[in-house]
Protein backbone atom coordinates (compact mmCIF):
# COMPACT_ATOMS: atom_id res chain seq x y z
CA UNK A 1 -3.05 -11.57 -15.48
CA UNK A 2 -0.16 -9.67 -12.92
CA UNK A 3 0.11 -6.10 -12.55
CA UNK A 4 2.90 -4.01 -10.97
CA UNK A 5 2.81 -4.28 -7.96
CA UNK A 6 2.38 -0.61 -6.12
CA UNK A 7 3.68 -0.90 -2.79
CA UNK A 8 7.12 1.32 -3.46
CA UNK A 9 4.62 3.73 -3.41
CA UNK A 10 5.03 7.78 -3.16
CA UNK A 11 3.91 7.95 0.59
CA UNK A 12 6.50 10.59 2.19
CA UNK A 13 7.06 13.85 0.62
CA UNK A 14 4.10 16.03 1.72
CA UNK A 15 4.12 20.26 0.51
CA UNK A 16 2.13 20.92 2.74
CA UNK A 17 3.12 21.89 7.11
CA UNK A 18 -0.28 22.27 8.39
CA UNK A 19 0.32 19.40 10.11
CA UNK A 20 -0.77 20.13 13.97
CA UNK A 21 -3.89 18.93 14.28
CA UNK A 22 -4.43 15.28 13.11
CA UNK A 23 -6.63 14.83 10.59
CA UNK A 24 -9.73 12.28 10.95
CA UNK A 25 -9.66 10.15 8.61
CA UNK A 26 -11.51 6.96 8.17
CA UNK A 27 -10.16 3.46 7.13
CA UNK A 28 -12.44 0.64 5.41
CA UNK A 29 -13.13 -1.73 2.82
CA UNK A 30 -13.24 -0.73 -1.07
CA UNK A 31 -15.88 -1.08 -2.87
CA UNK A 32 -16.37 -0.79 -6.93
CA UNK A 33 -18.03 3.10 -6.75
CA UNK A 34 -14.48 4.07 -4.97
CA UNK A 35 -12.51 2.97 -8.18
CA UNK A 36 -12.76 6.38 -9.56
CA UNK A 37 -11.64 7.74 -7.07
CA UNK A 38 -9.10 5.54 -6.58
CA UNK A 39 -8.00 6.63 -9.95
CA UNK A 40 -7.05 10.48 -8.99
CA UNK A 41 -4.86 8.69 -6.32
CA UNK A 42 -3.15 6.19 -8.87
CA UNK A 43 -2.85 8.38 -11.62
CA UNK A 44 -0.71 11.01 -8.83
CA UNK A 45 0.94 8.50 -7.00
CA UNK A 46 1.49 6.57 -9.84
CA UNK A 47 4.46 6.40 -13.54
CA UNK A 48 2.86 3.60 -14.44
CA UNK A 49 -1.18 3.28 -12.69
CA UNK A 50 -2.93 0.39 -12.72
CA UNK A 51 -6.71 0.80 -15.54
CA UNK A 52 -10.10 1.12 -13.81
CA UNK A 53 -10.37 -2.98 -15.04
CA UNK A 54 -7.37 -4.26 -12.74
CA UNK A 55 -9.64 -2.75 -9.68
CA UNK A 56 -12.84 -3.78 -10.49
CA UNK A 57 -11.13 -7.77 -11.53
CA UNK A 58 -9.06 -7.32 -8.51
CA UNK A 59 -12.27 -6.43 -6.25
CA UNK A 60 -14.33 -9.15 -8.11
CA UNK A 61 -12.70 -11.45 -8.77
CA UNK A 62 -10.24 -12.05 -6.91
CA UNK A 63 -10.66 -14.28 -3.94
CA UNK A 64 -7.63 -13.72 -2.43
CA UNK A 65 -7.16 -9.49 -2.50
CA UNK A 66 -8.35 -7.55 0.16
CA UNK A 67 -8.21 -3.45 -0.80
CA UNK A 68 -9.28 -0.16 2.07
CA UNK A 69 -9.22 2.73 1.17
CA UNK A 70 -8.84 6.24 3.69
CA UNK A 71 -11.19 8.18 3.79
CA UNK A 72 -11.50 12.11 5.03
CA UNK A 73 -14.62 14.05 4.46
CA UNK A 74 -15.71 11.87 2.35
CA UNK A 75 -13.31 11.37 -0.05
CA UNK A 76 -11.12 8.91 -0.88
CA UNK A 77 -7.52 10.37 0.14
CA UNK A 78 -5.32 7.44 -0.33
CA UNK A 79 -5.80 3.15 -0.21
CA UNK A 80 -3.78 -0.02 -0.37
CA UNK A 81 -3.97 -3.65 -1.64
CA UNK A 82 -2.81 -7.00 -0.86
CA UNK A 83 -3.41 -10.29 -1.34
CA UNK A 84 -3.30 -12.96 1.06
CA UNK A 85 -2.64 -16.97 0.15
CA UNK A 86 -2.88 -18.96 3.37
CA UNK A 87 -0.23 -16.91 5.22
CA UNK A 88 1.45 -15.00 3.09
CA UNK A 89 0.46 -11.52 2.65
CA UNK A 90 1.94 -9.42 -0.16
CA UNK A 91 1.31 -6.44 -0.44
CA UNK A 92 0.11 -4.63 -4.04
CA UNK A 93 -0.35 -1.37 -3.65
CA UNK A 94 -0.22 1.89 -1.15
CA UNK A 95 -0.40 5.70 -2.04
CA UNK A 96 -2.05 8.62 -0.83
CA UNK A 97 -2.81 11.86 -2.41
CA UNK A 98 0.47 14.03 -2.80
CA UNK A 99 -1.14 17.33 -0.35
CA UNK A 100 -1.70 14.23 2.11
CA UNK A 101 1.89 13.07 1.97
CA UNK A 102 4.03 13.37 5.14
CA UNK A 103 1.21 12.81 7.74
CA UNK A 104 2.06 9.92 9.22
CA UNK A 105 -1.07 8.58 7.14
CA UNK A 106 0.90 6.35 5.14
CA UNK A 107 2.34 4.82 8.52
CA UNK A 108 -1.46 4.64 9.88
CA UNK A 109 -2.82 2.80 6.30
CA UNK A 110 -0.29 0.69 6.03
CA UNK A 111 -0.74 -0.78 9.81
CA UNK A 112 -4.46 -1.24 9.12
CA UNK A 113 -3.31 -3.50 6.19
CA UNK A 114 -1.04 -5.26 8.27
CA UNK A 115 -3.65 -5.25 11.64
CA UNK A 116 -6.10 -6.95 8.79
CA UNK A 117 -3.50 -9.48 7.62
CA UNK A 118 -2.43 -11.11 11.30
CA UNK A 119 -6.28 -11.63 11.81
CA UNK A 120 -7.22 -13.26 8.33
CA UNK A 121 -3.86 -15.36 9.62
CA UNK A 122 -0.89 -13.98 7.75
CA UNK A 123 2.39 -14.35 10.02
CA UNK A 124 4.58 -12.96 6.82
CA UNK A 125 3.73 -10.45 4.72
CA UNK A 126 5.55 -8.85 1.51
CA UNK A 127 6.03 -5.92 -0.85
CA UNK A 128 8.34 -4.34 -3.78
CA UNK A 129 9.80 -0.67 -3.66
CA UNK A 130 11.95 0.84 -6.02
CA UNK A 131 15.47 0.99 -4.94
CA UNK A 132 15.18 4.66 -5.61
CA UNK A 133 11.92 4.98 -2.69
CA UNK A 134 13.70 5.46 0.24
CA UNK A 135 10.87 7.86 2.10
CA UNK A 136 9.03 3.81 1.53
CA UNK A 137 11.93 1.95 2.26
CA UNK A 138 12.00 4.08 5.88
CA UNK A 139 8.45 3.53 6.19
CA UNK A 140 8.80 0.11 5.87
CA UNK A 141 11.33 -0.41 7.92
CA UNK A 142 9.94 1.24 11.00
CA UNK A 143 6.88 -1.47 10.77
CA UNK A 144 9.33 -4.47 10.48
CA UNK A 145 10.05 -5.05 6.98
CA UNK A 146 13.62 -6.01 6.04
CA UNK A 147 14.86 -6.61 3.24
CA UNK A 148 15.95 -9.78 1.09
CA UNK A 149 16.65 -9.82 -2.56
CA UNK A 150 16.91 -7.86 -6.15
CA UNK A 151 14.46 -8.45 -8.65
CA UNK A 152 16.13 -6.56 -11.31
CA UNK A 153 14.10 -4.61 -13.90
CA UNK A 154 11.28 -4.80 -12.31
CA UNK A 155 9.87 -1.06 -12.83
CA UNK A 156 9.08 -0.78 -16.64
CA UNK A 157 8.58 2.92 -16.93
CA UNK A 158 12.96 2.94 -16.05
CA UNK A 159 14.14 -0.87 -15.98
CA UNK A 160 14.29 0.10 -12.25
CA UNK A 161 14.73 -2.39 -9.66
CA UNK A 162 12.60 -3.40 -7.28
CA UNK A 163 13.70 -4.14 -3.42
CA UNK A 164 11.78 -7.24 -2.16
CA UNK A 165 11.82 -6.44 1.72
CA UNK A 166 9.84 -8.90 4.27
CA UNK A 167 8.27 -8.51 7.76
CA UNK A 168 7.94 -11.39 10.30
CA UNK A 169 4.21 -9.67 11.04
CA UNK A 170 3.18 -12.39 13.11
CA UNK A 171 5.97 -12.54 16.17
CA UNK A 172 4.88 -8.60 16.54
CA UNK A 173 1.55 -9.60 18.33
CA UNK A 174 0.75 -11.61 20.92
CA UNK A 175 -1.10 -14.40 20.28
CA UNK A 176 -4.47 -14.74 21.91
């Protein structure tokens, strides 16, 4: 079953400004036990949230899926996922809790996913992002993604178009 991809993630507009100290975060693989906290991130971030069942199915049955959570002080504050098929990775979701946005954590999460994809043999990566989500688009551009087309009416909540973005991730890394 195809769900909406959430790479349009809300990863930018944090309101808190106590950003002088870098937050201590850990990124690790998502487990079934993480799903309740992941759902809190999901509801804070998306107008069409995935269901608990969708995450269960991704973690248990989709051998192409790779999901990670970002942990701060024992709590899930963000997560990201991708599907990897041969040498192409597709970012399905990336999101942070509202109060942790605007602190470069989205960039850290995205870089982790890119590095994981490279380690697993990916050479190219793609995602969809809302045409109005400039903050996410700018983040993706900083990481080498470029617009490559539109999906008309992709988001069913408001019929908004999605920009399809691609990155050639392999060329940014020295071949071992």
